Amino acid sequence: MKTGTLNVAGTLDASAPNGGNGGFIETSASRVNVAAGARVTTAAPVGKTGSWLIDPSDFTIGSAPGDNIAGSTLAAQLVTNNIQITTNGAGTQNGDIFVNDAVSWSASGGPTTLTLTADRNVNINAAITATNGNLVVCCGQDVNVNAAITTTNGSVLLSAGRDINQRGAITVTDGNLLMCAAEDVNIMGAITLTRGTNDPTRSLGLPRGLTLSADTDGTGPGIAGGTVVFDSLAPRAVVTAAPVTIYYNPISYTAPTDYSTRLTLTEGAALRQFMLVFAAGGDRAFNGTTAATLSGLKGSPAGVTLVAGPGASANYDTPEVGTGKRITFTGYTLAGTNAGAY
């Protein structure tokens, strides 16, 4: 149901107290309100914790009149549930998520995950603190981190369809942090990461340590396509006993960015940074197929070439000719004396 208003109160129970995994609960409407006394449980003492999906058009975590759920109410449910809040803008609704009230929880049993997925923007305006918990934020436009995010024994994934704007401090202990954006990753606040994890319940399947990745929509080369930007006033990111990996577009391939000056690395922490490269497709006449030929790399990066491996293929999205056609390719690798920089 994506119309009307759904008021959640009382108890919703999809737990598995006698064995097996917790179940799935969905509360979906144009507007979803959760009462302070509501109790939701998908707990599974000897299995996997289940999940609760909240699926409105817009959603605000806050304590003001008209807000959809209080931070304390959400936190109480995260102790024993994975919770997904997913918005789908329609009509006059934008599909935004606002965190205007602090959310702090410590999961019992296995880690739980709060997932915020917005059609447009996610605005974190109040602190999110998780012990034995993970945070996932995905959106169609911007992730705006305006307040602190802190996890202990849990990881953080921030993924934006446009930009990530990180102003609030992010602190991750015994977990991983990945920030990826279709355009820019803007670092304006503190980042502190102590150790990483490969534990599948706490890693979110992310690369161990800190990873920053810009221009995931592949519109480069050049910083106009998106890059990783540390504000001049931002403190150095502090990483202890974990790797740091950065994927970015430089101003030019002859002037790589030196991110080491923006980091403090201790106890074996090490930086790897890679400039993004982009395959170029050649011109062709209409031939009724989607087959494409890659003509090298855009921007002429030095010391690296594109190599087709066995079974490599490249295809346009449609057979029709035109400008700016998207090409999907697989089976290619980079080679050359400088290939390790890309």
C-alpha atoms as a PDB file:
ATOM      1  CA  MET A   1       0.000   0.000   0.000  1.00  0.00           C
ATOM      2  CA  LYS A   2       1.535   3.328  -1.093  1.00  0.00           C
ATOM      3  CA  THR A   3      -1.424   5.572  -0.303  1.00  0.00           C
ATOM      4  CA  GLY A   4      -3.002   6.723   2.945  1.00  0.00           C
ATOM      5  CA  THR A   5      -1.537   6.665   6.440  1.00  0.00           C
ATOM      6  CA  LEU A   6      -0.471   3.638   8.453  1.00  0.00           C
ATOM      7  CA  ASN A   7      -0.170   4.045  12.229  1.00  0.00           C
ATOM      8  CA  VAL A   8       1.965   1.337  13.828  1.00  0.00           C
ATOM      9  CA  ALA A   9       1.184   0.519  17.471  1.00  0.00           C
ATOM     10  CA  GLY A  10       0.937  -2.536  19.687  1.00  0.00           C
ATOM     11  CA  THR A  11       3.045  -5.602  18.850  1.00  0.00           C
ATOM     12  CA  LEU A  12       4.213  -6.992  15.509  1.00  0.00           C
ATOM     13  CA  ASP A  13       5.871 -10.371  16.047  1.00  0.00           C
ATOM     14  CA  ALA A  14       7.831 -12.354  13.445  1.00  0.00           C
ATOM     15  CA  SER A  15      10.324 -13.817  15.898  1.00  0.00           C
ATOM     16  CA  ALA A  16      11.607 -17.382  15.975  1.00  0.00           C
ATOM     17  CA  PRO A  17      11.920 -18.211  19.691  1.00  0.00           C
ATOM     18  CA  ASN A  18      11.986 -21.986  19.149  1.00  0.00           C
ATOM     19  CA  GLY A  19      14.501 -22.199  16.316  1.00  0.00           C
ATOM     20  CA  GLY A  20      15.023 -21.014  12.764  1.00  0.00           C
ATOM     21  CA  ASN A  21      15.478 -17.485  11.499  1.00  0.00           C
ATOM     22  CA  GLY A  22      13.497 -14.363  12.277  1.00  0.00           C
ATOM     23  CA  GLY A  23      10.858 -13.306   9.767  1.00  0.00           C
ATOM     24  CA  PHE A  24      10.042 -10.214   7.720  1.00  0.00           C
ATOM     25  CA  ILE A  25       7.621  -7.435   8.649  1.00  0.00           C
ATOM     26  CA  GLU A  26       6.537  -4.731   6.190  1.00  0.00           C
ATOM     27  CA  THR A  27       4.720  -1.519   7.065  1.00  0.00           C
ATOM     28  CA  SER A  28       4.001   0.368   3.851  1.00  0.00           C
ATOM     29  CA  ALA A  29       1.901   3.444   3.087  1.00  0.00           C
ATOM     30  CA  SER A  30       2.346   6.959   1.780  1.00  0.00           C
ATOM     31  CA  ARG A  31       2.827   7.974   5.413  1.00  0.00           C
ATOM     32  CA  VAL A  32       3.948   5.606   8.193  1.00  0.00           C
ATOM     33  CA  ASN A  33       3.813   6.714  11.834  1.00  0.00           C
ATOM     34  CA  VAL A  34       5.242   4.559  14.633  1.00  0.00           C
ATOM     35  CA  ALA A  35       3.906   5.046  18.150  1.00  0.00           C
ATOM     36  CA  ALA A  36       6.264   5.329  21.093  1.00  0.00           C
ATOM     37  CA  GLY A  37       4.902   2.134  22.650  1.00  0.00           C
ATOM     38  CA  ALA A  38       5.093   0.004  19.511  1.00  0.00           C
ATOM     39  CA  ARG A  39       6.985  -3.271  19.803  1.00  0.00           C
ATOM     40  CA  VAL A  40       8.390  -5.074  16.779  1.00  0.00           C
ATOM     41  CA  THR A  41      10.364  -8.279  17.050  1.00  0.00           C
ATOM     42  CA  THR A  42      12.054 -10.497  14.494  1.00  0.00           C
ATOM     43  CA  ALA A  43      14.529 -11.940  16.996  1.00  0.00           C
ATOM     44  CA  ALA A  44      15.915 -15.452  16.552  1.00  0.00           C
ATOM     45  CA  PRO A  45      17.975 -16.671  19.530  1.00  0.00           C
ATOM     46  CA  VAL A  46      19.506 -19.597  17.600  1.00  0.00           C
ATOM     47  CA  GLY A  47      19.124 -18.260  14.035  1.00  0.00           C
ATOM     48  CA  LYS A  48      19.470 -15.095  12.016  1.00  0.00           C
ATOM     49  CA  THR A  49      17.675 -11.929  13.083  1.00  0.00           C
ATOM     50  CA  GLY A  50      14.865 -10.945  10.743  1.00  0.00           C
ATOM     51  CA  SER A  51      14.014  -7.499   9.402  1.00  0.00           C
ATOM     52  CA  TRP A  52      11.371  -4.788   9.540  1.00  0.00           C
ATOM     53  CA  LEU A  53      10.732  -2.688   6.429  1.00  0.00           C
ATOM     54  CA  ILE A  54       9.228   0.790   6.801  1.00  0.00           C
ATOM     55  CA  ASP A  55       8.195   1.945   3.321  1.00  0.00           C
ATOM     56  CA  PRO A  56       6.699   5.491   3.092  1.00  0.00           C
ATOM     57  CA  SER A  57       7.054   8.387   0.655  1.00  0.00           C
ATOM     58  CA  ASP A  58       9.028  10.624   3.066  1.00  0.00           C
ATOM     59  CA  PHE A  59      10.245   9.848   6.566  1.00  0.00           C
ATOM     60  CA  THR A  60      11.510  11.836   9.533  1.00  0.00           C
ATOM     61  CA  ILE A  61      13.131  10.375  12.627  1.00  0.00           C
ATOM     62  CA  GLY A  62      12.369  13.049  15.182  1.00  0.00           C
ATOM     63  CA  SER A  63      10.518  14.106  18.299  1.00  0.00           C
ATOM     64  CA  ALA A  64       8.607  17.065  16.894  1.00  0.00           C
ATOM     65  CA  PRO A  65       4.860  16.946  16.207  1.00  0.00           C
ATOM     66  CA  GLY A  66       4.267  15.371  12.824  1.00  0.00           C
ATOM     67  CA  ASP A  67       7.505  13.361  12.791  1.00  0.00           C
ATOM     68  CA  ASN A  68       7.187   9.671  11.983  1.00  0.00           C
ATOM     69  CA  ILE A  69       9.180   7.924  14.701  1.00  0.00           C
ATOM     70  CA  ALA A  70      11.178   9.086  17.711  1.00  0.00           C
ATOM     71  CA  GLY A  71      14.872   8.283  17.799  1.00  0.00           C
ATOM     72  CA  SER A  72      14.442   6.420  21.090  1.00  0.00           C
ATOM     73  CA  THR A  73      11.636   4.287  19.641  1.00  0.00           C
ATOM     74  CA  LEU A  74      13.720   3.372  16.607  1.00  0.00           C
ATOM     75  CA  ALA A  75      16.725   2.598  18.797  1.00  0.00           C
ATOM     76  CA  ALA A  76      14.686   0.263  21.009  1.00  0.00           C
ATOM     77  CA  GLN A  77      13.612  -1.778  17.987  1.00  0.00           C
ATOM     78  CA  LEU A  78      17.183  -1.996  16.646  1.00  0.00           C
ATOM     79  CA  VAL A  79      18.256  -3.983  19.697  1.00  0.00           C
ATOM     80  CA  THR A  80      16.687  -7.130  18.200  1.00  0.00           C
ATOM     81  CA  ASN A  81      15.781  -6.193  14.601  1.00  0.00           C
ATOM     82  CA  ASN A  82      17.377  -5.194  11.347  1.00  0.00           C
ATOM     83  CA  ILE A  83      15.417  -2.154  10.163  1.00  0.00           C
ATOM     84  CA  GLN A  84      15.131  -0.822   6.627  1.00  0.00           C
ATOM     85  CA  ILE A  85      13.574   2.578   5.984  1.00  0.00           C
ATOM     86  CA  THR A  86      12.960   3.043   2.273  1.00  0.00           C
ATOM     87  CA  THR A  87      11.295   6.085   0.713  1.00  0.00           C
ATOM     88  CA  ASN A  88       9.741   6.440  -2.722  1.00  0.00           C
ATOM     89  CA  GLY A  89       8.853  10.007  -3.613  1.00  0.00           C
ATOM     90  CA  ALA A  90       5.543  10.507  -5.403  1.00  0.00           C
ATOM     91  CA  GLY A  91       3.393  13.534  -6.155  1.00  0.00           C
ATOM     92  CA  THR A  92       4.411  16.327  -3.794  1.00  0.00           C
ATOM     93  CA  GLN A  93       6.618  13.973  -1.764  1.00  0.00           C
ATOM     94  CA  ASN A  94      10.369  14.160  -2.378  1.00  0.00           C
ATOM     95  CA  GLY A  95      11.403  10.776  -1.066  1.00  0.00           C
ATOM     96  CA  ASP A  96      13.747  12.212   1.593  1.00  0.00           C
ATOM     97  CA  ILE A  97      14.829  10.766   4.939  1.00  0.00           C
ATOM     98  CA  PHE A  98      15.655  13.090   7.836  1.00  0.00           C
ATOM     99  CA  VAL A  99      17.407  11.970  11.023  1.00  0.00           C
ATOM    100  CA  ASN A 100      16.507  14.829  13.374  1.00  0.00           C
ATOM    101  CA  ASP A 101      16.593  12.876  16.647  1.00  0.00           C
ATOM    102  CA  ALA A 102      19.564  10.939  18.034  1.00  0.00           C
ATOM    103  CA  VAL A 103      19.498   7.174  17.502  1.00  0.00           C
ATOM    104  CA  SER A 104      21.677   5.062  19.830  1.00  0.00           C
ATOM    105  CA  TRP A 105      21.471   1.298  20.270  1.00  0.00           C
ATOM    106  CA  SER A 106      23.431  -1.736  21.418  1.00  0.00           C
ATOM    107  CA  ALA A 107      22.265  -4.929  19.734  1.00  0.00           C
ATOM    108  CA  SER A 108      21.728  -8.061  21.752  1.00  0.00           C
ATOM    109  CA  GLY A 109      23.023 -11.265  20.212  1.00  0.00           C
ATOM    110  CA  GLY A 110      24.287 -10.707  16.693  1.00  0.00           C
ATOM    111  CA  PRO A 111      24.805  -7.261  15.156  1.00  0.00           C
ATOM    112  CA  THR A 112      21.787  -5.468  13.702  1.00  0.00           C
ATOM    113  CA  THR A 113      21.749  -3.074  10.764  1.00  0.00           C
ATOM    114  CA  LEU A 114      19.902   0.200  10.202  1.00  0.00           C
ATOM    115  CA  THR A 115      19.446   0.810   6.478  1.00  0.00           C
ATOM    116  CA  LEU A 116      18.265   4.199   5.203  1.00  0.00           C
ATOM    117  CA  THR A 117      17.436   4.194   1.489  1.00  0.00           C
ATOM    118  CA  ALA A 118      15.990   7.406   0.059  1.00  0.00           C
ATOM    119  CA  ASP A 119      14.636   8.192  -3.375  1.00  0.00           C
ATOM    120  CA  ARG A 120      16.293  11.615  -3.076  1.00  0.00           C
ATOM    121  CA  ASN A 121      18.390  12.769  -0.067  1.00  0.00           C
ATOM    122  CA  VAL A 122      19.331  11.384   3.336  1.00  0.00           C
ATOM    123  CA  ASN A 123      19.997  14.150   5.871  1.00  0.00           C
ATOM    124  CA  ILE A 124      21.656  13.031   9.099  1.00  0.00           C
ATOM    125  CA  ASN A 125      21.105  15.972  11.430  1.00  0.00           C
ATOM    126  CA  ALA A 126      21.364  14.099  14.744  1.00  0.00           C
ATOM    127  CA  ALA A 127      23.884  11.584  16.027  1.00  0.00           C
ATOM    128  CA  ILE A 128      23.687   7.899  15.140  1.00  0.00           C
ATOM    129  CA  THR A 129      25.555   5.625  17.561  1.00  0.00           C
ATOM    130  CA  ALA A 130      25.680   1.826  17.262  1.00  0.00           C
ATOM    131  CA  THR A 131      27.387  -0.777  19.423  1.00  0.00           C
ATOM    132  CA  ASN A 132      27.330  -4.182  17.785  1.00  0.00           C
ATOM    133  CA  GLY A 133      25.489  -2.577  14.890  1.00  0.00           C
ATOM    134  CA  ASN A 134      25.911  -1.419  11.295  1.00  0.00           C
ATOM    135  CA  LEU A 135      24.671   1.591   9.332  1.00  0.00           C
ATOM    136  CA  VAL A 136      23.865   1.597   5.597  1.00  0.00           C
ATOM    137  CA  VAL A 137      22.809   4.826   3.847  1.00  0.00           C
ATOM    138  CA  CYS A 138      21.916   4.877   0.140  1.00  0.00           C
ATOM    139  CA  CYS A 139      20.136   7.555  -1.863  1.00  0.00           C
ATOM    140  CA  GLY A 140      19.405   8.839  -5.333  1.00  0.00           C
ATOM    141  CA  GLN A 141      21.005  12.226  -4.749  1.00  0.00           C
ATOM    142  CA  ASP A 142      22.984  13.412  -1.698  1.00  0.00           C
ATOM    143  CA  VAL A 143      24.013  11.902   1.614  1.00  0.00           C
ATOM    144  CA  ASN A 144      24.410  14.853   3.999  1.00  0.00           C
ATOM    145  CA  VAL A 145      26.188  13.919   7.227  1.00  0.00           C
ATOM    146  CA  ASN A 146      25.647  16.886   9.532  1.00  0.00           C
ATOM    147  CA  ALA A 147      26.020  15.041  12.852  1.00  0.00           C
ATOM    148  CA  ALA A 148      28.262  12.364  14.306  1.00  0.00           C
ATOM    149  CA  ILE A 149      28.152   8.727  13.226  1.00  0.00           C
ATOM    150  CA  THR A 150      29.805   6.268  15.633  1.00  0.00           C
ATOM    151  CA  THR A 151      29.963   2.485  15.403  1.00  0.00           C
ATOM    152  CA  THR A 152      31.747  -0.052  17.605  1.00  0.00           C
ATOM    153  CA  ASN A 153      31.901  -3.621  16.326  1.00  0.00           C
ATOM    154  CA  GLY A 154      30.048  -2.538  13.208  1.00  0.00           C
ATOM    155  CA  SER A 155      30.574  -0.951   9.804  1.00  0.00           C
ATOM    156  CA  VAL A 156      29.278   2.062   7.858  1.00  0.00           C
ATOM    157  CA  LEU A 157      28.363   2.259   4.172  1.00  0.00           C
ATOM    158  CA  LEU A 158      27.443   5.627   2.650  1.00  0.00           C
ATOM    159  CA  SER A 159      26.426   5.521  -1.026  1.00  0.00           C
ATOM    160  CA  ALA A 160      25.111   8.519  -2.969  1.00  0.00           C
ATOM    161  CA  GLY A 161      23.652   8.921  -6.426  1.00  0.00           C
ATOM    162  CA  ARG A 162      25.249  12.365  -6.540  1.00  0.00           C
ATOM    163  CA  ASP A 163      27.438  13.676  -3.656  1.00  0.00           C
ATOM    164  CA  ILE A 164      28.426  12.722  -0.135  1.00  0.00           C
ATOM    165  CA  ASN A 165      28.850  15.781   2.093  1.00  0.00           C
ATOM    166  CA  GLN A 166      30.448  14.686   5.363  1.00  0.00           C
ATOM    167  CA  ARG A 167      30.502  17.418   8.013  1.00  0.00           C
ATOM    168  CA  GLY A 168      29.812  15.399  11.157  1.00  0.00           C
ATOM    169  CA  ALA A 169      32.577  13.251  12.626  1.00  0.00           C
ATOM    170  CA  ILE A 170      32.582   9.570  11.675  1.00  0.00           C
ATOM    171  CA  THR A 171      34.204   7.161  14.137  1.00  0.00           C
ATOM    172  CA  VAL A 172      34.424   3.439  13.398  1.00  0.00           C
ATOM    173  CA  THR A 173      36.045   0.945  15.770  1.00  0.00           C
ATOM    174  CA  ASP A 174      36.486  -2.688  14.718  1.00  0.00           C
ATOM    175  CA  GLY A 175      34.521  -2.099  11.541  1.00  0.00           C
ATOM    176  CA  ASN A 176      34.860  -0.764   8.007  1.00  0.00           C
ATOM    177  CA  LEU A 177      33.892   2.533   6.379  1.00  0.00           C
ATOM    178  CA  LEU A 178      33.064   2.865   2.678  1.00  0.00           C
ATOM    179  CA  MET A 179      31.967   6.180   1.182  1.00  0.00           C
ATOM    180  CA  CYS A 180      31.105   6.027  -2.516  1.00  0.00           C
ATOM    181  CA  ALA A 181      29.425   8.657  -4.677  1.00  0.00           C
ATOM    182  CA  ALA A 182      28.446   8.962  -8.313  1.00  0.00           C
ATOM    183  CA  GLU A 183      30.093  12.390  -8.269  1.00  0.00           C
ATOM    184  CA  ASP A 184      32.029  13.893  -5.319  1.00  0.00           C
ATOM    185  CA  VAL A 185      32.985  12.593  -1.889  1.00  0.00           C
ATOM    186  CA  ASN A 186      33.409  15.802   0.133  1.00  0.00           C
ATOM    187  CA  ILE A 187      35.269  15.348   3.428  1.00  0.00           C
ATOM    188  CA  MET A 188      34.742  18.286   5.782  1.00  0.00           C
ATOM    189  CA  GLY A 189      34.631  16.537   9.169  1.00  0.00           C
ATOM    190  CA  ALA A 190      36.803  14.191  11.188  1.00  0.00           C
ATOM    191  CA  ILE A 191      37.210  10.525  10.278  1.00  0.00           C
ATOM    192  CA  THR A 192      38.647   8.060  12.781  1.00  0.00           C
ATOM    193  CA  LEU A 193      38.895   4.360  11.981  1.00  0.00           C
ATOM    194  CA  THR A 194      40.539   1.896  14.340  1.00  0.00           C
ATOM    195  CA  ARG A 195      41.144  -1.531  12.897  1.00  0.00           C
ATOM    196  CA  GLY A 196      38.827  -3.030  10.329  1.00  0.00           C
ATOM    197  CA  THR A 197      37.043  -6.333  10.221  1.00  0.00           C
ATOM    198  CA  ASN A 198      36.492  -9.325   7.977  1.00  0.00           C
ATOM    199  CA  ASP A 199      33.781 -10.717  10.262  1.00  0.00           C
ATOM    200  CA  PRO A 200      30.823 -11.191   7.876  1.00  0.00           C
ATOM    201  CA  THR A 201      28.281 -10.051  10.485  1.00  0.00           C
ATOM    202  CA  ARG A 202      30.122  -6.792  11.150  1.00  0.00           C
ATOM    203  CA  SER A 203      31.849  -6.012   7.842  1.00  0.00           C
ATOM    204  CA  LEU A 204      28.766  -5.473   5.625  1.00  0.00           C
ATOM    205  CA  GLY A 205      30.862  -7.282   3.021  1.00  0.00           C
ATOM    206  CA  LEU A 206      32.932  -4.113   2.594  1.00  0.00           C
ATOM    207  CA  PRO A 207      36.676  -3.970   1.953  1.00  0.00           C
ATOM    208  CA  ARG A 208      38.563  -3.929   5.218  1.00  0.00           C
ATOM    209  CA  GLY A 209      39.435  -0.465   6.550  1.00  0.00           C
ATOM    210  CA  LEU A 210      38.602   2.910   4.980  1.00  0.00           C
ATOM    211  CA  THR A 211      37.579   3.177   1.325  1.00  0.00           C
ATOM    212  CA  LEU A 212      36.702   6.406  -0.497  1.00  0.00           C
ATOM    213  CA  SER A 213      35.408   6.099  -4.058  1.00  0.00           C
ATOM    214  CA  ALA A 214      34.215   8.925  -6.338  1.00  0.00           C
ATOM    215  CA  ASP A 215      32.692   9.087  -9.825  1.00  0.00           C
ATOM    216  CA  THR A 216      30.985   5.712  -9.597  1.00  0.00           C
ATOM    217  CA  ASP A 217      28.773   6.710 -12.544  1.00  0.00           C
ATOM    218  CA  GLY A 218      31.843   6.804 -14.791  1.00  0.00           C
ATOM    219  CA  THR A 219      31.529  10.327 -16.188  1.00  0.00           C
ATOM    220  CA  GLY A 220      35.230  11.138 -15.961  1.00  0.00           C
ATOM    221  CA  PRO A 221      38.044  11.633 -16.623  1.00  0.00           C
ATOM    222  CA  GLY A 222      38.720  14.883 -14.823  1.00  0.00           C
ATOM    223  CA  ILE A 223      37.419  16.303 -11.579  1.00  0.00           C
ATOM    224  CA  ALA A 224      34.239  17.495 -13.304  1.00  0.00           C
ATOM    225  CA  GLY A 225      33.188  13.853 -13.286  1.00  0.00           C
ATOM    226  CA  GLY A 226      33.644  13.656  -9.522  1.00  0.00           C
ATOM    227  CA  THR A 227      36.531  13.105  -7.140  1.00  0.00           C
ATOM    228  CA  VAL A 228      37.500  12.799  -3.464  1.00  0.00           C
ATOM    229  CA  VAL A 229      37.882  16.242  -1.884  1.00  0.00           C
ATOM    230  CA  PHE A 230      39.292  16.953   1.567  1.00  0.00           C
ATOM    231  CA  ASP A 231      38.286  20.450   2.635  1.00  0.00           C
ATOM    232  CA  SER A 232      41.259  22.629   3.550  1.00  0.00           C
ATOM    233  CA  LEU A 233      39.855  23.042   7.088  1.00  0.00           C
ATOM    234  CA  ALA A 234      39.078  19.359   7.617  1.00  0.00           C
ATOM    235  CA  PRO A 235      41.263  17.560  10.174  1.00  0.00           C
ATOM    236  CA  ARG A 236      43.433  14.704   9.019  1.00  0.00           C
ATOM    237  CA  ALA A 237      41.649  11.375   8.882  1.00  0.00           C
ATOM    238  CA  VAL A 238      43.137   9.074  11.539  1.00  0.00           C
ATOM    239  CA  VAL A 239      43.423   5.390  10.658  1.00  0.00           C
ATOM    240  CA  THR A 240      44.963   2.785  12.938  1.00  0.00           C
ATOM    241  CA  ALA A 241      45.921  -0.779  11.955  1.00  0.00           C
ATOM    242  CA  ALA A 242      43.810  -0.833   8.790  1.00  0.00           C
ATOM    243  CA  PRO A 243      44.283  -0.089   5.077  1.00  0.00           C
ATOM    244  CA  VAL A 244      43.069   3.061   3.310  1.00  0.00           C
ATOM    245  CA  THR A 245      42.021   2.889  -0.346  1.00  0.00           C
ATOM    246  CA  ILE A 246      41.027   5.911  -2.460  1.00  0.00           C
ATOM    247  CA  TYR A 247      39.640   5.895  -6.009  1.00  0.00           C
ATOM    248  CA  TYR A 248      39.529   9.369  -7.562  1.00  0.00           C
ATOM    249  CA  ASN A 249      39.809  11.572 -10.639  1.00  0.00           C
ATOM    250  CA  PRO A 250      42.888  13.824 -10.667  1.00  0.00           C
ATOM    251  CA  ILE A 251      42.954  17.310 -12.138  1.00  0.00           C
ATOM    252  CA  SER A 252      45.103  15.727 -14.819  1.00  0.00           C
ATOM    253  CA  TYR A 253      46.869  12.396 -15.136  1.00  0.00           C
ATOM    254  CA  THR A 254      50.199  14.224 -15.031  1.00  0.00           C
ATOM    255  CA  ALA A 255      49.366  15.729 -11.611  1.00  0.00           C
ATOM    256  CA  PRO A 256      48.164  12.982  -9.245  1.00  0.00           C
ATOM    257  CA  THR A 257      46.690  14.069  -5.909  1.00  0.00           C
ATOM    258  CA  ASP A 258      48.787  13.221  -2.841  1.00  0.00           C
ATOM    259  CA  TYR A 259      46.249  12.140  -0.214  1.00  0.00           C
ATOM    260  CA  SER A 260      48.919  11.122   2.298  1.00  0.00           C
ATOM    261  CA  THR A 261      49.017  14.715   3.545  1.00  0.00           C
ATOM    262  CA  ARG A 262      45.370  14.380   4.648  1.00  0.00           C
ATOM    263  CA  LEU A 263      45.873  11.214   6.668  1.00  0.00           C
ATOM    264  CA  THR A 264      47.490  10.130   9.934  1.00  0.00           C
ATOM    265  CA  LEU A 265      48.348   6.440   9.640  1.00  0.00           C
ATOM    266  CA  THR A 266      49.542   4.374  12.608  1.00  0.00           C
ATOM    267  CA  GLU A 267      50.182   0.749  13.614  1.00  0.00           C
ATOM    268  CA  GLY A 268      50.750  -0.509  10.086  1.00  0.00           C
ATOM    269  CA  ALA A 269      47.970   1.442   8.388  1.00  0.00           C
ATOM    270  CA  ALA A 270      48.849   2.077   4.741  1.00  0.00           C
ATOM    271  CA  LEU A 271      47.451   4.132   1.874  1.00  0.00           C
ATOM    272  CA  ARG A 272      46.739   2.926  -1.635  1.00  0.00           C
ATOM    273  CA  GLN A 273      45.307   5.441  -4.086  1.00  0.00           C
ATOM    274  CA  PHE A 274      44.217   4.882  -7.658  1.00  0.00           C
ATOM    275  CA  MET A 275      43.361   7.296 -10.453  1.00  0.00           C
ATOM    276  CA  LEU A 276      40.264   6.293 -12.391  1.00  0.00           C
ATOM    277  CA  VAL A 277      40.594   5.548 -16.091  1.00  0.00           C
ATOM    278  CA  PHE A 278      37.824   5.310 -18.679  1.00  0.00           C
ATOM    279  CA  ALA A 279      37.667   3.243 -21.837  1.00  0.00           C
ATOM    280  CA  ALA A 280      36.886   5.051 -25.087  1.00  0.00           C
ATOM    281  CA  GLY A 281      34.621   3.673 -27.782  1.00  0.00           C
ATOM    282  CA  GLY A 282      35.351   4.342 -31.422  1.00  0.00           C
ATOM    283  CA  ASP A 283      32.985   5.552 -34.140  1.00  0.00           C
ATOM    284  CA  ARG A 284      31.001   3.035 -36.138  1.00  0.00           C
ATOM    285  CA  ALA A 285      28.263   2.801 -38.774  1.00  0.00           C
ATOM    286  CA  PHE A 286      24.945   1.094 -38.045  1.00  0.00           C
ATOM    287  CA  ASN A 287      25.281  -2.658 -38.518  1.00  0.00           C
ATOM    288  CA  GLY A 288      22.276  -3.997 -36.604  1.00  0.00           C
ATOM    289  CA  THR A 289      24.319  -5.307 -33.660  1.00  0.00           C
ATOM    290  CA  THR A 290      25.360  -3.959 -30.272  1.00  0.00           C
ATOM    291  CA  ALA A 291      29.011  -4.990 -30.673  1.00  0.00           C
ATOM    292  CA  ALA A 292      31.437  -2.193 -29.765  1.00  0.00           C
ATOM    293  CA  THR A 293      35.162  -1.675 -30.207  1.00  0.00           C
ATOM    294  CA  LEU A 294      37.176  -0.005 -27.469  1.00  0.00           C
ATOM    295  CA  SER A 295      39.792   2.373 -28.826  1.00  0.00           C
ATOM    296  CA  GLY A 296      41.921   2.898 -25.726  1.00  0.00           C
ATOM    297  CA  LEU A 297      41.663   5.126 -22.653  1.00  0.00           C
ATOM    298  CA  LYS A 298      40.254   8.645 -22.492  1.00  0.00           C
ATOM    299  CA  GLY A 299      42.601  11.448 -21.503  1.00  0.00           C
ATOM    300  CA  SER A 300      45.762   9.598 -22.590  1.00  0.00           C
ATOM    301  CA  PRO A 301      47.046   8.474 -19.163  1.00  0.00           C
ATOM    302  CA  ALA A 302      50.763   7.697 -19.394  1.00  0.00           C
ATOM    303  CA  GLY A 303      52.233   4.254 -18.891  1.00  0.00           C
ATOM    304  CA  VAL A 304      48.988   2.283 -19.005  1.00  0.00           C
ATOM    305  CA  THR A 305      47.082   0.487 -21.744  1.00  0.00           C
ATOM    306  CA  LEU A 306      43.788  -1.359 -21.976  1.00  0.00           C
ATOM    307  CA  VAL A 307      44.260  -5.066 -22.738  1.00  0.00           C
ATOM    308  CA  ALA A 308      41.540  -7.438 -23.906  1.00  0.00           C
ATOM    309  CA  GLY A 309      41.733 -10.831 -22.264  1.00  0.00           C
ATOM    310  CA  PRO A 310      40.339 -14.142 -23.518  1.00  0.00           C
ATOM    311  CA  GLY A 311      36.601 -13.838 -24.012  1.00  0.00           C
ATOM    312  CA  ALA A 312      36.596 -10.045 -23.605  1.00  0.00           C
ATOM    313  CA  SER A 313      33.497  -8.313 -24.938  1.00  0.00           C
ATOM    314  CA  ALA A 314      32.109  -4.790 -25.343  1.00  0.00           C
ATOM    315  CA  ASN A 315      28.536  -3.856 -26.267  1.00  0.00           C
ATOM    316  CA  TYR A 316      26.424  -0.743 -26.753  1.00  0.00           C
ATOM    317  CA  ASP A 317      23.140  -0.638 -24.837  1.00  0.00           C
ATOM    318  CA  THR A 318      21.150  -0.655 -28.122  1.00  0.00           C
ATOM    319  CA  PRO A 319      22.005  -1.267 -31.802  1.00  0.00           C
ATOM    320  CA  GLU A 320      21.013   2.278 -32.861  1.00  0.00           C
ATOM    321  CA  VAL A 321      23.745   4.819 -33.566  1.00  0.00           C
ATOM    322  CA  GLY A 322      24.034   8.111 -31.685  1.00  0.00           C
ATOM    323  CA  THR A 323      26.298  10.230 -29.516  1.00  0.00           C
ATOM    324  CA  GLY A 324      27.179   9.482 -25.903  1.00  0.00           C
ATOM    325  CA  LYS A 325      26.173   5.823 -26.229  1.00  0.00           C
ATOM    326  CA  ARG A 326      26.765   3.696 -23.134  1.00  0.00           C
ATOM    327  CA  ILE A 327      29.138   0.737 -23.544  1.00  0.00           C
ATOM    328  CA  THR A 328      29.258  -2.221 -21.183  1.00  0.00           C
ATOM    329  CA  PHE A 329      32.444  -4.262 -21.324  1.00  0.00           C
ATOM    330  CA  THR A 330      34.052  -7.163 -19.511  1.00  0.00           C
ATOM    331  CA  GLY A 331      37.259  -9.161 -19.627  1.00  0.00           C
ATOM    332  CA  TYR A 332      39.645  -6.214 -20.013  1.00  0.00           C
ATOM    333  CA  THR A 333      42.634  -5.434 -17.770  1.00  0.00           C
ATOM    334  CA  LEU A 334      45.213  -2.681 -17.423  1.00  0.00           C
ATOM    335  CA  ALA A 335      48.877  -3.162 -18.317  1.00  0.00           C
ATOM    336  CA  GLY A 336      51.973  -0.997 -18.525  1.00  0.00           C
ATOM    337  CA  THR A 337      54.688   0.440 -16.325  1.00  0.00           C
ATOM    338  CA  ASN A 338      52.255   2.719 -14.459  1.00  0.00           C
ATOM    339  CA  ALA A 339      49.246   0.385 -14.385  1.00  0.00           C
ATOM    340  CA  GLY A 340      49.473   0.113 -10.604  1.00  0.00           C
ATOM    341  CA  ALA A 341      48.562   3.801 -10.262  1.00  0.00           C
ATOM    342  CA  TYR A 342      45.159   3.312 -11.933  1.00  0.00           C
END
